[in-house]
Amino acid sequence: MRKAIQIVGFVLALQGISGAIDHVAVQPFLGFFLNFFNRVIIPRVDLLTGYELFANLALAALGVVLMIAAERAPG
């Protein structure tokens, strides 16, 4: 279970970093998968409109925190 949580955290971190890069410049590498949050979720949530870069960086931070928490969890 720990490994699955680490993988989810890694994917979230990649999506956050990729979305931030895509917001600043064009990021063509695995664009549909890595920019899913940036291109699908953010436009549908009015609270995040105008704060796309912050939302992507927060997603990346959440992914890193999730990976660290899974590593330190007992088990």
C-alpha atoms as a PDB file:
ATOM      1  CA  MET A   1       0.000   0.000   0.000  1.00  0.00           C
ATOM      2  CA  ARG A   2       2.885   2.341   0.783  1.00  0.00           C
ATOM      3  CA  LYS A   3       4.279   1.947  -2.740  1.00  0.00           C
ATOM      4  CA  ALA A   4       0.884   2.765  -4.308  1.00  0.00           C
ATOM      5  CA  ILE A   5       0.612   5.965  -2.255  1.00  0.00           C
ATOM      6  CA  GLN A   6       4.146   6.931  -3.270  1.00  0.00           C
ATOM      7  CA  ILE A   7       3.276   6.395  -6.932  1.00  0.00           C
ATOM      8  CA  VAL A   8       0.148   8.546  -6.604  1.00  0.00           C
ATOM      9  CA  GLY A   9       2.232  11.257  -4.909  1.00  0.00           C
ATOM     10  CA  PHE A  10       4.831  11.055  -7.675  1.00  0.00           C
ATOM     11  CA  VAL A  11       2.170  11.400 -10.387  1.00  0.00           C
ATOM     12  CA  LEU A  12       0.603  14.380  -8.581  1.00  0.00           C
ATOM     13  CA  ALA A  13       4.006  16.043  -8.293  1.00  0.00           C
ATOM     14  CA  LEU A  14       4.714  15.443 -11.989  1.00  0.00           C
ATOM     15  CA  GLN A  15       1.314  16.802 -12.983  1.00  0.00           C
ATOM     16  CA  GLY A  16       1.807  19.904 -10.841  1.00  0.00           C
ATOM     17  CA  ILE A  17       5.271  20.632 -12.207  1.00  0.00           C
ATOM     18  CA  SER A  18       4.193  19.926 -15.778  1.00  0.00           C
ATOM     19  CA  GLY A  19       1.124  22.139 -15.414  1.00  0.00           C
ATOM     20  CA  ALA A  20       3.253  24.976 -14.071  1.00  0.00           C
ATOM     21  CA  ILE A  21       5.642  24.617 -17.007  1.00  0.00           C
ATOM     22  CA  ASP A  22       2.690  24.467 -19.413  1.00  0.00           C
ATOM     23  CA  HIS A  23       1.230  27.628 -17.885  1.00  0.00           C
ATOM     24  CA  VAL A  24       4.494  29.535 -18.392  1.00  0.00           C
ATOM     25  CA  ALA A  25       5.552  27.911 -21.705  1.00  0.00           C
ATOM     26  CA  VAL A  26       4.456  25.024 -23.921  1.00  0.00           C
ATOM     27  CA  GLN A  27       5.195  21.564 -22.554  1.00  0.00           C
ATOM     28  CA  PRO A  28       4.612  18.932 -25.281  1.00  0.00           C
ATOM     29  CA  PHE A  29       6.012  15.876 -23.434  1.00  0.00           C
ATOM     30  CA  LEU A  30       3.047  13.622 -22.479  1.00  0.00           C
ATOM     31  CA  GLY A  31       0.880  16.736 -22.505  1.00  0.00           C
ATOM     32  CA  PHE A  32      -2.533  15.077 -22.194  1.00  0.00           C
ATOM     33  CA  PHE A  33      -1.604  12.921 -19.195  1.00  0.00           C
ATOM     34  CA  LEU A  34       0.680  15.315 -17.348  1.00  0.00           C
ATOM     35  CA  ASN A  35      -1.460  18.398 -17.949  1.00  0.00           C
ATOM     36  CA  PHE A  36      -4.801  16.797 -17.107  1.00  0.00           C
ATOM     37  CA  PHE A  37      -5.185  18.876 -13.923  1.00  0.00           C
ATOM     38  CA  ASN A  38      -4.157  22.061 -15.706  1.00  0.00           C
ATOM     39  CA  ARG A  39      -6.408  21.617 -18.737  1.00  0.00           C
ATOM     40  CA  VAL A  40      -9.450  19.781 -17.336  1.00  0.00           C
ATOM     41  CA  ILE A  41      -9.818  20.457 -13.601  1.00  0.00           C
ATOM     42  CA  ILE A  42      -8.758  24.109 -13.291  1.00  0.00           C
ATOM     43  CA  PRO A  43     -11.134  25.505 -15.972  1.00  0.00           C
ATOM     44  CA  ARG A  44     -14.091  23.770 -14.293  1.00  0.00           C
ATOM     45  CA  VAL A  45     -13.397  25.093 -10.770  1.00  0.00           C
ATOM     46  CA  ASP A  46     -14.182  28.796 -10.592  1.00  0.00           C
ATOM     47  CA  LEU A  47     -12.181  29.219  -7.393  1.00  0.00           C
ATOM     48  CA  LEU A  48      -8.962  28.323  -9.240  1.00  0.00           C
ATOM     49  CA  THR A  49      -9.547  30.557 -12.259  1.00  0.00           C
ATOM     50  CA  GLY A  50      -6.842  33.189 -12.289  1.00  0.00           C
ATOM     51  CA  TYR A  51      -4.638  31.190  -9.925  1.00  0.00           C
ATOM     52  CA  GLU A  52      -3.541  28.446 -12.327  1.00  0.00           C
ATOM     53  CA  LEU A  53       0.166  28.651 -11.568  1.00  0.00           C
ATOM     54  CA  PHE A  54      -0.436  28.635  -7.808  1.00  0.00           C
ATOM     55  CA  ALA A  55      -2.823  25.666  -8.141  1.00  0.00           C
ATOM     56  CA  ASN A  56      -0.272  23.670 -10.130  1.00  0.00           C
ATOM     57  CA  LEU A  57       2.524  24.413  -7.685  1.00  0.00           C
ATOM     58  CA  ALA A  58       0.229  23.486  -4.777  1.00  0.00           C
ATOM     59  CA  LEU A  59      -0.555  20.185  -6.523  1.00  0.00           C
ATOM     60  CA  ALA A  60       3.167  19.515  -6.903  1.00  0.00           C
ATOM     61  CA  ALA A  61       3.746  20.289  -3.224  1.00  0.00           C
ATOM     62  CA  LEU A  62       0.867  18.004  -2.247  1.00  0.00           C
ATOM     63  CA  GLY A  63       2.429  15.201  -4.265  1.00  0.00           C
ATOM     64  CA  VAL A  64       5.801  15.657  -2.554  1.00  0.00           C
ATOM     65  CA  VAL A  65       4.171  15.729   0.882  1.00  0.00           C
ATOM     66  CA  LEU A  66       2.260  12.554   0.031  1.00  0.00           C
ATOM     67  CA  MET A  67       5.463  10.782  -1.027  1.00  0.00           C
ATOM     68  CA  ILE A  68       7.254  11.838   2.172  1.00  0.00           C
ATOM     69  CA  ALA A  69       4.323  10.822   4.376  1.00  0.00           C
ATOM     70  CA  ALA A  70       4.111   7.402   2.720  1.00  0.00           C
ATOM     71  CA  GLU A  71       7.827   6.872   3.234  1.00  0.00           C
ATOM     72  CA  ARG A  72       7.676   7.739   6.934  1.00  0.00           C
ATOM     73  CA  ALA A  73       4.494   5.797   7.693  1.00  0.00           C
ATOM     74  CA  PRO A  74       4.999   2.751   9.910  1.00  0.00           C
ATOM     75  CA  GLY A  75       4.372  -0.544   8.310  1.00  0.00           C
END
